[in-house]
Protein backbone atom coordinates (compact mmCIF):
# COMPACT_ATOMS: atom_id res chain seq x y z
CA MET A 1 30.82 7.04 -16.85
CA THR A 2 30.99 4.61 -18.92
CA ASP A 3 34.41 2.72 -19.28
CA GLY A 4 34.48 0.13 -16.86
CA THR A 5 34.85 2.51 -14.23
CA ALA A 6 32.00 3.06 -11.93
CA LEU A 7 31.00 3.72 -8.13
CA PHE A 8 30.45 2.09 -5.27
CA LEU A 9 27.41 4.12 -2.95
CA SER A 10 27.08 3.53 0.43
CA SER A 11 23.97 4.13 2.27
CA ASP A 12 25.64 7.05 4.13
CA ASP A 13 26.07 8.73 0.87
CA VAL A 14 22.55 8.18 -0.30
CA THR A 15 20.80 9.19 3.00
CA GLY A 16 19.89 13.26 2.17
CA LEU A 17 21.32 12.99 -1.03
CA ALA A 18 17.65 13.97 -2.68
CA THR A 19 14.38 15.55 -0.98
CA PRO A 20 11.40 13.38 -1.35
CA ALA A 21 9.95 15.69 -4.30
CA GLU A 22 13.01 15.42 -5.74
CA TYR A 23 12.22 11.09 -5.63
CA VAL A 24 8.90 11.80 -6.12
CA ASP A 25 9.91 12.90 -10.18
CA ALA A 26 12.37 10.89 -10.78
CA VAL A 27 9.78 8.03 -9.97
CA ARG A 28 6.50 9.54 -11.72
CA GLU A 29 9.45 9.88 -14.80
CA GLY A 30 10.44 6.75 -15.08
CA TYR A 31 6.38 5.52 -15.40
CA ARG A 32 6.23 7.78 -17.42
CA GLN A 33 8.20 6.08 -19.23
CA ARG A 34 7.24 2.58 -18.13
CA GLY A 35 3.27 3.77 -19.87
CA GLU A 36 4.78 4.50 -23.13
CA GLY A 37 6.47 0.91 -23.10
CA ALA A 38 9.21 0.61 -21.43
CA PRO A 39 10.43 -2.62 -20.64
CA ALA A 40 9.91 -4.33 -16.71
CA ARG A 41 9.45 -7.46 -14.89
CA PRO A 42 8.15 -8.33 -11.72
CA ARG A 43 10.03 -9.66 -8.77
CA THR A 44 10.65 -13.13 -9.26
CA ARG A 45 12.19 -14.91 -5.89
CA LEU A 46 13.68 -17.98 -4.62
CA PHE A 47 13.50 -19.93 -1.24
CA GLY A 48 15.54 -21.66 0.25
CA GLY A 49 14.51 -23.97 3.34
CA ASP A 50 17.89 -24.68 5.82
CA PRO A 51 17.85 -22.22 7.33
CA PRO A 52 15.03 -20.32 5.77
CA GLY A 53 15.22 -17.70 3.65
CA MET A 54 14.17 -15.41 0.33
CA LEU A 55 16.64 -14.68 -2.96
CA THR A 56 14.38 -11.99 -5.25
CA GLY A 57 15.74 -9.91 -7.71
CA TYR A 58 13.25 -7.69 -10.77
CA THR A 59 14.85 -5.66 -13.42
CA ALA A 60 13.73 -2.20 -15.95
CA MET A 61 15.04 -0.09 -18.70
CA LEU A 62 14.32 3.36 -18.37
CA PRO A 63 15.73 3.84 -22.14
CA GLU A 64 14.67 7.86 -21.71
CA THR A 65 17.36 7.98 -18.34
CA GLY A 66 19.28 6.29 -19.98
CA ALA A 67 19.56 3.10 -17.60
CA MET A 68 18.45 0.07 -16.62
CA GLY A 69 19.42 -2.19 -13.45
CA GLY A 70 17.16 -3.39 -10.44
CA TYR A 71 17.57 -4.80 -7.07
CA MET A 72 18.06 -8.33 -5.74
CA TYR A 73 17.97 -9.07 -2.10
CA THR A 74 17.82 -11.92 0.56
CA GLY A 75 15.47 -11.83 3.68
CA GLY A 76 16.14 -14.91 6.70
CA PHE A 77 19.01 -17.14 5.97
CA GLY A 78 21.26 -17.82 8.49
CA SER A 79 21.83 -13.96 9.17
CA GLY A 80 17.55 -13.58 10.31
CA ASP A 81 17.85 -10.03 8.15
CA ALA A 82 17.15 -9.26 4.56
CA HIS A 83 20.25 -7.89 2.49
CA PHE A 84 20.38 -4.96 -0.50
CA VAL A 85 22.10 -5.12 -3.53
CA LEU A 86 21.30 -2.33 -6.18
CA PRO A 87 22.73 -2.62 -9.66
CA LEU A 88 22.74 0.17 -12.31
CA PHE A 89 23.89 0.12 -15.69
CA ASP A 90 24.42 2.35 -18.51
CA ALA A 91 20.78 2.03 -21.48
CA ASP A 92 23.18 3.03 -23.89
CA SER A 93 26.74 1.00 -23.47
CA GLY A 94 25.74 -1.56 -21.28
CA ALA A 95 28.60 -0.67 -18.95
CA PRO A 96 28.06 -0.56 -15.45
CA LEU A 97 27.51 2.92 -13.53
CA ALA A 98 27.08 2.27 -10.30
CA VAL A 99 26.52 -0.45 -7.32
CA PHE A 100 24.45 0.54 -4.32
CA ASP A 101 24.40 -0.10 -0.67
CA GLY A 102 20.27 -0.51 -1.63
CA ALA A 103 18.75 -0.93 1.90
CA SER A 104 18.46 2.94 2.78
CA LEU A 105 17.37 4.05 -0.82
CA ASN A 106 14.46 1.21 -0.22
CA PRO A 107 11.46 3.73 2.02
CA PHE A 108 12.49 6.57 -0.31
CA LYS A 109 11.95 4.95 -3.33
CA THR A 110 8.66 3.44 -2.17
CA GLY A 111 7.25 6.23 -0.55
CA ALA A 112 7.99 8.49 -4.04
CA THR A 113 6.26 5.52 -5.92
CA GLY A 114 3.12 5.72 -3.68
CA ALA A 115 3.02 9.81 -3.59
CA VAL A 116 2.85 8.98 -7.76
CA GLY A 117 -0.08 6.92 -7.72
CA ILE A 118 -1.73 9.66 -5.39
CA ASP A 119 -0.85 12.33 -7.44
CA ALA A 120 -2.55 10.31 -10.63
CA LEU A 121 -5.89 8.84 -8.68
CA ALA A 122 -6.30 11.21 -5.89
CA ARG A 123 -8.77 13.66 -5.78
CA GLU A 124 -7.11 17.20 -6.42
CA ASP A 125 -8.39 18.30 -3.36
CA ALA A 126 -7.29 15.55 -1.53
CA THR A 127 -6.70 17.25 2.59
CA ASP A 128 -7.03 14.17 5.19
CA LEU A 129 -4.77 11.73 5.18
CA ALA A 130 -5.11 8.25 6.72
CA LEU A 131 -1.77 6.88 7.69
CA ILE A 132 -1.96 2.75 8.81
CA GLY A 133 1.89 2.04 10.00
CA SER A 134 4.45 3.79 12.09
CA GLY A 135 7.63 2.49 10.60
CA ALA A 136 10.03 3.35 8.40
CA GLN A 137 8.10 2.61 5.58
CA ALA A 138 5.27 4.29 6.68
CA ARG A 139 7.94 7.54 7.37
CA GLY A 140 9.06 7.19 3.43
CA GLN A 141 5.53 7.65 2.27
CA LEU A 142 4.46 10.54 4.38
CA ARG A 143 7.47 12.48 3.35
CA ALA A 144 6.49 12.30 -0.17
CA ALA A 145 2.56 12.49 0.50
CA VAL A 146 3.10 15.88 1.38
CA THR A 147 4.66 16.93 -1.74
CA VAL A 148 1.83 15.86 -3.62
CA ARG A 149 -0.99 16.78 -2.02
CA ASP A 150 -1.77 19.87 0.55
CA PHE A 151 -3.01 17.74 3.10
CA GLU A 152 -3.83 19.51 6.13
CA THR A 153 -4.50 16.51 9.12
CA VAL A 154 -3.00 13.14 8.64
CA ARG A 155 -4.07 10.21 11.56
CA VAL A 156 -2.12 7.77 11.97
CA PHE A 157 -3.04 3.74 13.10
CA SER A 158 -0.70 0.97 14.24
CA PRO A 159 -1.13 -1.61 16.58
CA THR A 160 1.44 -0.42 19.39
CA ARG A 161 0.38 2.54 20.63
CA GLU A 162 4.18 3.62 21.97
CA HIS A 163 4.99 2.80 18.18
CA ARG A 164 2.22 5.38 16.44
CA GLU A 165 2.39 8.13 19.09
CA ALA A 166 5.95 8.28 18.76
CA PHE A 167 5.37 7.97 15.33
CA ALA A 168 3.31 11.05 15.31
CA ASP A 169 5.27 13.12 17.67
CA GLU A 170 7.97 12.91 15.03
CA MET A 171 6.24 13.28 11.74
CA ASP A 172 4.56 16.45 13.07
CA GLY A 173 7.24 18.65 13.52
CA GLU A 174 8.65 17.35 10.14
CA VAL A 175 6.11 17.79 7.95
CA ASP A 176 3.65 20.45 6.93
CA PRO A 177 -0.32 19.21 7.94
CA ALA A 178 -0.83 17.92 11.75
CA VAL A 179 0.10 14.32 12.21
CA ARG A 180 -1.93 12.76 15.14
CA ALA A 181 -2.45 9.54 16.37
CA VAL A 182 -5.48 7.27 16.80
CA GLU A 183 -6.68 4.39 18.81
CA SER A 184 -7.87 1.66 15.58
CA SER A 185 -7.67 1.91 11.96
CA ASP A 186 -10.73 2.60 11.54
CA ALA A 187 -10.41 6.13 12.92
CA ALA A 188 -7.97 7.22 10.88
CA VAL A 189 -9.74 5.95 7.93
CA ASP A 190 -13.07 7.39 8.29
CA GLY A 191 -13.63 10.42 6.48
CA ALA A 192 -10.80 10.45 4.76
CA ASP A 193 -9.13 11.44 1.36
CA VAL A 194 -6.17 9.20 1.04
CA VAL A 195 -5.60 6.40 2.83
CA ILE A 196 -2.35 4.92 2.84
CA THR A 197 -0.85 1.10 4.49
CA ALA A 198 2.41 0.37 5.22
CA THR A 199 2.58 -2.92 7.40
CA ASN A 200 4.01 -6.35 7.51
CA ALA A 201 0.06 -7.47 8.08
CA SER A 202 -1.37 -10.94 6.30
CA GLU A 203 -5.06 -9.23 7.07
CA PRO A 204 -6.92 -6.62 6.18
CA VAL A 205 -6.07 -3.73 8.49
CA PHE A 206 -9.62 -1.46 7.63
CA ASP A 207 -12.77 -2.30 6.93
CA GLY A 208 -13.74 -1.59 3.10
CA ASP A 209 -17.28 -0.17 4.47
CA ALA A 210 -15.55 2.50 6.22
CA LEU A 211 -13.87 4.50 3.23
CA ALA A 212 -15.42 7.52 2.12
CA ASP A 213 -16.98 8.02 -1.58
CA GLY A 214 -14.07 9.72 -3.72
CA ALA A 215 -10.84 8.33 -1.48
CA HIS A 216 -8.24 6.97 -2.48
CA VAL A 217 -6.21 3.86 -1.73
CA THR A 218 -2.12 3.07 -1.76
CA CYS A 219 -1.43 -0.40 -0.59
CA MET A 220 2.33 -1.18 -0.28
CA GLY A 221 2.81 -3.75 2.49
CA GLN A 222 2.52 -7.14 1.04
CA TYR A 223 3.14 -9.24 -3.21
CA ASP A 224 2.07 -12.55 -1.92
CA PRO A 225 -1.07 -14.30 -3.69
CA GLU A 226 -2.18 -15.51 0.29
CA LYS A 227 -1.75 -12.02 2.19
CA ARG A 228 -3.17 -8.90 1.56
CA GLU A 229 -3.75 -5.42 3.38
CA VAL A 230 -6.76 -4.35 2.37
CA ASP A 231 -9.79 -6.62 1.65
CA ALA A 232 -12.27 -7.54 -1.22
CA GLU A 233 -15.14 -5.49 -0.92
CA THR A 234 -12.32 -3.02 -1.22
CA VAL A 235 -11.07 -4.08 -4.24
CA ALA A 236 -14.27 -4.00 -5.15
CA ARG A 237 -15.12 -0.34 -4.97
CA ALA A 238 -12.16 0.08 -6.46
CA LYS A 239 -10.43 1.70 -9.90
CA TYR A 240 -7.90 -1.29 -9.86
CA VAL A 241 -4.17 0.22 -10.55
CA PRO A 242 -1.04 -1.93 -9.95
CA ASP A 243 2.45 -0.86 -10.62
CA LEU A 244 2.72 -3.69 -13.35
CA ARG A 245 -0.26 -5.65 -14.60
CA GLU A 246 2.08 -8.80 -14.77
CA ARG A 247 2.77 -8.89 -11.32
CA VAL A 248 -0.64 -9.41 -10.70
CA GLU A 249 -1.12 -12.88 -11.49
CA ARG A 250 1.37 -13.48 -9.63
CA ASP A 251 1.60 -11.95 -5.99
CA ALA A 252 -0.90 -9.24 -5.74
CA GLY A 253 -2.57 -10.93 -3.02
CA ALA A 254 -5.73 -7.97 -2.03
CA TYR A 255 -6.54 -8.68 -6.07
CA LEU A 256 -6.36 -12.45 -6.00
CA LEU A 257 -8.44 -13.12 -3.17
CA ALA A 258 -10.14 -10.58 -3.37
CA ARG A 259 -11.28 -12.43 -7.55
CA GLU A 260 -11.03 -15.83 -5.01
CA GLU A 261 -14.22 -14.65 -3.12
CA GLY A 262 -16.30 -13.73 -6.04
CA ALA A 263 -15.67 -10.00 -5.49
CA ILE A 264 -14.27 -8.86 -8.56
CA GLY A 265 -13.72 -10.53 -12.14
CA ASP A 266 -10.70 -11.02 -14.04
CA ASP A 267 -11.45 -7.64 -15.96
CA HIS A 268 -10.66 -5.54 -12.92
CA VAL A 269 -7.91 -4.36 -13.33
CA HIS A 270 -8.31 -1.29 -15.08
CA ALA A 271 -4.75 0.11 -15.80
CA GLU A 272 -0.74 -0.47 -14.49
CA LEU A 273 -0.20 3.48 -13.35
CA GLY A 274 2.82 4.05 -15.63
CA GLU A 275 -0.13 3.42 -18.37
CA VAL A 276 -2.56 6.42 -16.03
CA VAL A 277 1.01 8.80 -15.70
CA ALA A 278 1.39 9.09 -19.50
CA GLY A 279 -2.06 9.81 -20.16
CA VAL A 280 -2.83 6.41 -22.55
CA GLU A 281 -5.47 5.60 -20.00
CA PRO A 282 -8.21 7.89 -17.75
CA GLY A 283 -7.05 8.17 -13.78
CA ARG A 284 -9.70 9.88 -11.96
CA GLU A 285 -13.14 10.34 -13.89
CA ALA A 286 -15.49 11.55 -10.88
CA ALA A 287 -15.47 13.26 -7.86
CA ASP A 288 -16.58 10.42 -6.10
CA GLU A 289 -14.83 7.07 -7.26
CA VAL A 290 -13.05 5.33 -4.85
CA THR A 291 -9.31 4.12 -6.42
CA LEU A 292 -6.79 1.72 -5.42
CA PHE A 293 -3.56 1.60 -6.02
CA ASP A 294 -1.58 -1.67 -5.61
CA SER A 295 2.12 -0.70 -4.94
CA GLY A 296 4.54 -3.99 -4.41
CA GLY A 297 6.95 -2.80 -5.47
CA THR A 298 9.27 -2.78 -8.80
CA ALA A 299 12.24 -2.11 -10.71
CA ILE A 300 11.22 1.28 -12.47
CA GLU A 301 11.27 3.21 -8.94
CA THR A 302 14.59 1.63 -8.12
CA VAL A 303 16.28 2.54 -11.32
CA ALA A 304 14.46 5.50 -11.42
CA ALA A 305 15.63 7.00 -8.20
CA ALA A 306 19.32 5.15 -8.00
CA HIS A 307 20.02 7.49 -11.69
CA MET A 308 18.96 10.05 -10.02
CA CYS A 309 20.60 9.82 -6.47
CA TYR A 310 23.96 8.23 -8.80
CA GLU A 311 24.24 11.90 -10.97
CA GLN A 312 23.42 13.91 -7.64
CA ALA A 313 26.33 12.11 -5.83
CA ARG A 314 28.87 12.35 -8.87
CA GLU A 315 28.05 16.15 -8.51
CA ALA A 316 28.55 15.64 -5.39
CA GLY A 317 32.54 13.94 -5.50
CA LEU A 318 30.23 11.17 -3.30
CA GLY A 319 30.85 7.36 -3.24
CA ARG A 320 34.23 4.66 -4.59
CA GLU A 321 35.25 4.28 -7.75
CA ILE A 322 34.98 0.54 -8.86
CA GLU A 323 36.48 -0.94 -11.70
CA PHE A 324 34.29 -3.89 -13.92
CA LEU A 325 36.52 -5.99 -16.46
CA PRO A 326 34.44 -6.04 -19.76
CA ALA A 327 34.13 -9.55 -20.90
CA SER A 328 36.08 -9.23 -24.07
CA GLU A 329 38.89 -8.62 -21.54
CA ALA A 330 38.41 -11.46 -18.84
CA PHE A 331 37.78 -14.14 -20.96
CA GLU A 332 40.93 -13.28 -22.57
CA SER A 333 42.59 -13.08 -19.30
């Protein structure tokens, strides 16, 4: 659809539209294009004070996919909630393709990004997964992670016993590896080949000294210069790979605070994820190497996942057509 007719896709339209593996494939392809030069910009945020809230947006273009767009979302303000809008445009004509009620897409595309990080950086023989967090994002991370490695065990920790036990019971019946709740983050991380943090914590959720040699870490819960899920020891030990290099100096709290503490220098960024996926820069180079993917969120995965869903929605006859008047006509009216 490039004639001013676009699809509006609701949360119900998107739910169940694609498998976790399909999201991973789409997002991996998006990051490959980024690694070969596709444009993307990190998030910008505006803050309102009365009532307090935040307006956030970010954009990307994926020329080979033929799509561009991004996310715009609010948090707080009078509703005390968050609301996501995702516009998708044709990269050749510039015409609108779709508008998504974007909140339900978030755990799927974010989980897929974490899985692409695991696939690019974790050991091929990784079988033991630690997961810190038990909310919707943790579910998305686990569903996607099991598509890229043959995990045998998953240990999950979150501070509330009922939450972690309910998560383990639910996900143990959904994924192949055995999922069990443990009593502490150290118990989860001890000996793990892969560690995923998916929390809203503002302080480190595990001790970097507990990481095994050869472990891979994906942290994705914070994008604030004053907040972090992993400590300076973890960052210093690791080959550090962010989703976007430009984002690091803005809101990668794990990196910024580790540097502030003197644990790392200005040259600690190894490469962007897209550069590793595209083969422009190496990923893991030794079995005992610790790797870290800092996933703060970009429009790369947003556009890649949205375009995949858009194509599947069109094929399935989902969504509602809406009309956008081009500026050449609108300005004459």
